[in-house]
């Protein structure tokens, strides 16, 4: 009968957790499960945000009247208007 061997990652994990007392083993396993679930949640949130961002037909946020450009709020660091700029 052919018995599959565990991967090197699971072997290292079993050896590492094997040195811990029983109560700490349960805590370590809980932390690993929590880390896996957290990574799944982060991936799902990123995927949903990406799908919302590329959804067609959504209105683009337009600047309100009098809001100006980003350079208008830079004060002394704003670029000076050139001769081809019609704004004052």
C-alpha atoms as a PDB file:
ATOM      1  CA  UNK A   1       0.000   0.000   0.000  1.00  0.00           C
ATOM      2  CA  UNK A   2       1.279   3.454  -0.980  1.00  0.00           C
ATOM      3  CA  UNK A   3       1.296   6.045   1.815  1.00  0.00           C
ATOM      4  CA  UNK A   4       1.595   9.689   0.864  1.00  0.00           C
ATOM      5  CA  UNK A   5       4.171  11.601   2.793  1.00  0.00           C
ATOM      6  CA  UNK A   6       3.516  15.000   4.278  1.00  0.00           C
ATOM      7  CA  UNK A   7       5.009  18.069   2.682  1.00  0.00           C
ATOM      8  CA  UNK A   8       8.125  19.631   4.153  1.00  0.00           C
ATOM      9  CA  UNK A   9       6.069  22.591   5.402  1.00  0.00           C
ATOM     10  CA  UNK A  10       3.737  20.429   7.438  1.00  0.00           C
ATOM     11  CA  UNK A  11       6.680  18.416   8.792  1.00  0.00           C
ATOM     12  CA  UNK A  12       8.395  21.595  10.000  1.00  0.00           C
ATOM     13  CA  UNK A  13       5.134  22.827  11.508  1.00  0.00           C
ATOM     14  CA  UNK A  14       4.543  19.512  13.342  1.00  0.00           C
ATOM     15  CA  UNK A  15       8.083  19.457  14.718  1.00  0.00           C
ATOM     16  CA  UNK A  16       7.829  23.088  15.843  1.00  0.00           C
ATOM     17  CA  UNK A  17       4.445  22.647  17.496  1.00  0.00           C
ATOM     18  CA  UNK A  18       5.530  19.302  18.990  1.00  0.00           C
ATOM     19  CA  UNK A  19       7.947  21.072  21.335  1.00  0.00           C
ATOM     20  CA  UNK A  20       5.150  23.147  22.854  1.00  0.00           C
ATOM     21  CA  UNK A  21       2.937  22.045  25.749  1.00  0.00           C
ATOM     22  CA  UNK A  22      -0.603  20.924  24.887  1.00  0.00           C
ATOM     23  CA  UNK A  23      -2.241  24.233  25.851  1.00  0.00           C
ATOM     24  CA  UNK A  24       0.244  26.185  23.721  1.00  0.00           C
ATOM     25  CA  UNK A  25      -0.290  23.804  20.780  1.00  0.00           C
ATOM     26  CA  UNK A  26      -3.988  24.638  20.762  1.00  0.00           C
ATOM     27  CA  UNK A  27      -3.179  28.361  20.857  1.00  0.00           C
ATOM     28  CA  UNK A  28      -0.641  28.015  18.049  1.00  0.00           C
ATOM     29  CA  UNK A  29      -3.106  26.119  15.876  1.00  0.00           C
ATOM     30  CA  UNK A  30      -5.734  28.769  16.604  1.00  0.00           C
ATOM     31  CA  UNK A  31      -3.341  31.525  15.547  1.00  0.00           C
ATOM     32  CA  UNK A  32      -2.527  29.718  12.303  1.00  0.00           C
ATOM     33  CA  UNK A  33      -6.230  29.293  11.514  1.00  0.00           C
ATOM     34  CA  UNK A  34      -6.851  32.955  12.364  1.00  0.00           C
ATOM     35  CA  UNK A  35      -3.990  34.053  10.080  1.00  0.00           C
ATOM     36  CA  UNK A  36      -5.354  31.982   7.192  1.00  0.00           C
ATOM     37  CA  UNK A  37      -8.867  33.369   7.661  1.00  0.00           C
ATOM     38  CA  UNK A  38      -7.526  36.938   7.889  1.00  0.00           C
ATOM     39  CA  UNK A  39      -5.589  36.513   4.646  1.00  0.00           C
ATOM     40  CA  UNK A  40      -8.730  35.207   2.920  1.00  0.00           C
ATOM     41  CA  UNK A  41     -10.715  38.211   4.164  1.00  0.00           C
ATOM     42  CA  UNK A  42      -8.047  40.639   2.923  1.00  0.00           C
ATOM     43  CA  UNK A  43      -7.957  38.961  -0.505  1.00  0.00           C
ATOM     44  CA  UNK A  44     -11.748  39.014  -0.744  1.00  0.00           C
ATOM     45  CA  UNK A  45     -11.936  42.704   0.197  1.00  0.00           C
ATOM     46  CA  UNK A  46      -9.262  43.600  -2.381  1.00  0.00           C
ATOM     47  CA  UNK A  47     -11.048  41.584  -5.066  1.00  0.00           C
ATOM     48  CA  UNK A  48     -14.374  43.288  -4.286  1.00  0.00           C
ATOM     49  CA  UNK A  49     -12.755  46.734  -4.291  1.00  0.00           C
ATOM     50  CA  UNK A  50     -11.141  45.996  -7.661  1.00  0.00           C
ATOM     51  CA  UNK A  51     -14.446  44.813  -9.129  1.00  0.00           C
ATOM     52  CA  UNK A  52     -16.173  47.968  -7.888  1.00  0.00           C
ATOM     53  CA  UNK A  53     -13.409  50.148  -9.337  1.00  0.00           C
ATOM     54  CA  UNK A  54     -13.631  48.674 -12.833  1.00  0.00           C
ATOM     55  CA  UNK A  55     -17.430  48.420 -12.928  1.00  0.00           C
ATOM     56  CA  UNK A  56     -18.657  50.196 -16.076  1.00  0.00           C
ATOM     57  CA  UNK A  57     -21.257  52.928 -16.031  1.00  0.00           C
ATOM     58  CA  UNK A  58     -20.398  54.383 -12.652  1.00  0.00           C
ATOM     59  CA  UNK A  59     -20.333  58.174 -12.459  1.00  0.00           C
ATOM     60  CA  UNK A  60     -16.943  59.762 -11.983  1.00  0.00           C
ATOM     61  CA  UNK A  61     -16.550  62.125  -9.048  1.00  0.00           C
ATOM     62  CA  UNK A  62     -16.492  65.624 -10.510  1.00  0.00           C
ATOM     63  CA  UNK A  63     -15.096  68.647  -8.738  1.00  0.00           C
ATOM     64  CA  UNK A  64     -17.686  70.971  -7.273  1.00  0.00           C
ATOM     65  CA  UNK A  65     -17.968  74.538  -8.541  1.00  0.00           C
ATOM     66  CA  UNK A  66     -15.191  76.692  -7.127  1.00  0.00           C
ATOM     67  CA  UNK A  67     -13.178  73.735  -5.873  1.00  0.00           C
ATOM     68  CA  UNK A  68     -10.341  74.451  -8.277  1.00  0.00           C
ATOM     69  CA  UNK A  69      -7.376  72.270  -9.126  1.00  0.00           C
ATOM     70  CA  UNK A  70      -4.992  70.613  -6.719  1.00  0.00           C
ATOM     71  CA  UNK A  71      -2.315  73.170  -7.625  1.00  0.00           C
ATOM     72  CA  UNK A  72      -4.611  75.982  -6.458  1.00  0.00           C
ATOM     73  CA  UNK A  73      -4.264  74.737  -2.878  1.00  0.00           C
ATOM     74  CA  UNK A  74      -0.461  74.532  -2.817  1.00  0.00           C
ATOM     75  CA  UNK A  75       0.042  78.184  -1.923  1.00  0.00           C
ATOM     76  CA  UNK A  76       3.554  79.417  -2.674  1.00  0.00           C
ATOM     77  CA  UNK A  77       4.493  75.994  -4.061  1.00  0.00           C
ATOM     78  CA  UNK A  78       1.850  76.087  -6.808  1.00  0.00           C
ATOM     79  CA  UNK A  79       3.155  76.304 -10.373  1.00  0.00           C
ATOM     80  CA  UNK A  80       2.823  79.733 -11.935  1.00  0.00           C
ATOM     81  CA  UNK A  81       0.310  80.015 -14.789  1.00  0.00           C
ATOM     82  CA  UNK A  82       1.927  80.216 -18.186  1.00  0.00           C
ATOM     83  CA  UNK A  83       0.925  82.307 -21.229  1.00  0.00           C
ATOM     84  CA  UNK A  84      -1.200  79.459 -22.624  1.00  0.00           C
ATOM     85  CA  UNK A  85      -3.162  79.093 -19.354  1.00  0.00           C
ATOM     86  CA  UNK A  86      -6.518  80.857 -19.619  1.00  0.00           C
ATOM     87  CA  UNK A  87      -7.212  80.693 -15.909  1.00  0.00           C
ATOM     88  CA  UNK A  88      -6.180  83.586 -13.756  1.00  0.00           C
END
